[in-house]
Amino acid sequence: MLTAVVLLLCSASYASASVKGGALGPRLNNNQLYKFSYTTEVLVDRSRGSKQGSGGYRISSAVDVNLVWRDPSSKDDQLVKLVISNVRIGPASQRSEKEDVLHGTTAESLLGKTRIAALAKPFLLHLRNGKAKAFYSYRTEPAIIKNLKRGLASLLQVQLTTGKVIENDVSGRCTVQYKAVKGQVTRTKVLETCRTPETGFTTHTQVLGVSRKSSSVTVFTLKDGFIHSAVAEESHSLAVSARRSTAAEVVSGQTLTLVGIEAGPPEAAGKDVAAVVKSIDAKLAAVGVVAEKIKSQCKGCLSLFENWQAQKKQLEPASLSKAAAPRSFLALIQSIRKASKEEILQVLKSASQTALPQVVDAVTSSQTVASLDAMLDFLNFTDVKGLVLQERFLYACGFASHPNERMLQALLNISKGKFGSNDIKESAVIIMGALVHKLCQKGWCNSPTVVRVKKLLLDGPDGTQDESEMQMYLLALKNSMLPEAIPIFTKYAESAVGAYCTIALTALQKYDVSLVTAEVKQTVNRVYHQNRRIYEKNVRAAAADVILNSNPSYMEVKNLLLSIGNLPHEMNKYMLSKIRDILRFQLSASKVIQQVMKDRISHNYDRFSKIGSSSAFSGFMAQSADVTSTYSLDILYSGSGILRRSNMNIYGAIDGAMLQGLQVAIEAQGLESLIAATPDEGEEDLDSFAGMSALLFDIQLRPVTFFKGYGDLMSKMFSMTGEPMNVVKGLILLTDHSEVITLQSGLKASAEFQGGLAIDISGGMEISLWYRESKTSINNRAALVVTGNVTLDMDFLRAGVEVSFETEASLDFITTVQFSDYPFLVCMQMEKATFPISEHLSKYESSSSGNTVVSRKSRRQFVPGSEFPLHQENSNMCKKVFESNW
């Protein structure tokens, strides 16, 4: 054993010595001039497009490389000089003369004499052990020229041994994997790890976000200890997660090939690199190997006010159901993001009263310092007449794609200031909860403003006796998704006030199952089984949802099933429908339910034959390779046949990520006196009330009240027009992704993906005592536009691709109840109209000479309208309802 250890140590020592004695990086010989040919090209196109149809350019040149200085004590410590000459610029693929924007141009005519002269100036690279330690060029050179030189210099950086390291090059500070095999080294850069000065932003929700796939591989061939050739290939593909066909790609390549070796200048004398560089040219400076920012200048672009004049017609209310509205909304956001506060205020003050709410949506969604300052100056929160604009501002803050502390502080100031309507304070606090959640997702949970708001929300429920304030704080905590709020929700789940219980229980449903502790489960079970007090049906139904969605145990499910038969009539039917829906849709609790149903005491005809009209049903709205969309409809009635709770949910799922796109809940109580009916147990003393609550893209909005109190009910009944009440109306920035991609060649591509949604959600409730019929409706109208733009902008050359899709859709949910007899007749209808989906592809190229080429393609298809299937019992009832109406 001892002999083996000694031999192992000897072998390790020999290997270490051989590495130390060998070259760690490429070595140049003194008195030699290495002559290379160099080509870099970049292409932009839709993802999976052919090179032939792609837009882009190729830059070719000759490159001379020679050794300037070597550290006498280390052969791998070298200062290298590079000189670019004979620059040529052309299209990256074959073009006809008509489609070639570079036809008749030269490198000098495109770049100009100043840039050409700068590109021809020599630059220096300090290599130590094959790594770039410093890059020397002239500070006064244009940034694009220095970046091109950095891209070339980065090709000389190579490690001759296999291993993983962190390197600095033109792309940033990246993790790099080297694989060395006999005269060939493959360098694979892990682009996801690269850190650069230019940071972008993206939508925090995966379902609404943009996915990116990137690769960068360089293959070096070495002869006589130096680079004979280097071939680099790099690609970046970006796609909208929910529709991956809306994708764009940028592909870059570099080729450096040794074409000859000639006699060259001798090494310079000097003790160190700094002294040698100074002796060559005192104006040369270490400017860093990482690419620097380039300020793009928009030539011929419209000002914000000019852009507003072009877009304002599409932002009038009459156009909000058309795709033109979100398209203009996105265009306006892009313009606002480049504008000053004064320019933004000019547009706000010039907009018509009807278009102004949409302008508020666009300005707030821009999320710049200037746009937030403009909104805070423009809005007067003490003016009750400005309620609509104030609430549109607050909701746009809630839907912000990349909020910051400053936005949260602004809402905190609003909530503590004076306001014309208490609705504004409620909305501000509720939306603050949503911002806290987003900022915590970004890792800012311990930032000062977030900490202050967290304390305000967590202390809120116990610091007030006002019912509306209590609901406000609970809804804000529901949006915040703070783990610290779980004990608060657990406490208020057992409240004597039904509204508090419902908010607390629906909030607990949103948390990850791992956070639902045994204590929480015990509390929720006590609520459902009424161990301590009698609860309203909708509270018990919410408690059942929490139990069934939190990995229920065998005994929890058994006790739920055993309760069926001892519940109010409609609650019996609701729970049966809920259990059957979980089994049919194979939800998480289905396996435990199947085990319990083997017990004949829990599962028998008497228990599973209860009649009623309440129901729970789930189904698929759409299924594709990209996204799965599901819906659920839960309807709970009182024993007298009047709606107690209606809950419609729409979900989207991508690769395990889930988003609750929409929830519209209508609740009614205390209406039995209208038809001289007896209230159910626990609901005898409830005031007359009806209202609607909406949750949109995981954000709870302020609930809307239809009527409250008997007097209000009677006045509303006699003045009912049948017209639905608006709950949410506006423009929302759903997808928002922006980044600058620094390519290995030193060129840069900008990627912008935005998705805009124009939405109108309304709901209503009608009751006819004469016909003993009630009708509730939820109407959803939406228009969606998503665009993706990848642009290569070198100032003197520009190429880009834009991919987009758009659609206009409607979804109606109508419930009709005839309560003249029992069991009463209930007909539920969920319908979508036929809607179009249009896809567009644009490619464009332009040069400083003024030549421009644009190509466009489009296709349009129609998705037929349909009525979503519900359970067979509902179909049978609808036939009876329609027959009786006829």
Foldseek 3Di string as FASTA:
>chain_A
DVVVVVVVVVVVVVVVVVVVVDAFAFFFDFQKKFKKKKKKKKWKFFPPDDPQPTWIKMKIWMKIKHWAAAAPVDRQWTKMKMFTHDIFMFTPHDDDPQFGQCPPHGPCRLQPPLLNVQLGDMWMFTGHSLATPFTKGFPPHALLSLLLVQLVVQQRRDTQDFDWDWGQGQQATWIWTWDHDDQKIKIKTPSVRGDDPFDWAWFLALLATKDKDKTKMKMFGDDPRGTQKIKIKIKMKIAGLQDRSQIMMMIMIMIMHGDDMDGHHGHDDDNDDVVSVCVVPVSMDGPGRYRDDHDDDDPPDDALVVLCVVLQVCQAPVNLLDQSNQVSLVVNLVRLLVDALVSLLVSLVPHDPRNNLQSLLSLLLSADPSSVVNLVVPDDQQDPVCVSSLLSNLVSLLQHRQHDLVSLVVLVVSLPDHGNDVQSNLSSLLSSLLVLQRCVSVVCCPPPSNVVSVVCLQCQLVVDPDPSSNLSSLNSPLNNLDLVCLVVLLVQCPPLDQSSVLSSLVSLLPHDLVSCDPSSLVSLLCQLVVVPHDHDLSSNVSSVSNCQSNQHDLVSLLVLLLCQVVFAQQSNAASLQVLVQCCVVVDPNNVSNVVNCVDCNSNDCNRNVRDADWHKHKDWPDDDPSKTKMKMWGWTPWPLFHTAKIWIWIWIDGPHRIWTAKIKMKGWADCCVVQVDQTDPPRRPDFTWIWMWMAHRSRTGDIGTQATGPVRVVVCQVVPPVDWAWDDFHKHWSIWIWTWRQDSSSFIKIKTKTKMKTKTWTKDKHADPVQQKIKIKIKIWMKMKIKMKIWGCSPQKIKIKMKMKIKTKMWMWMWMWRSPDPVTFIAIWIKIAKMKMKIKMKIKIHGNVGDIDMDMDMDMDIDHMDIDDTDPVNVVSVVVVVVVVD
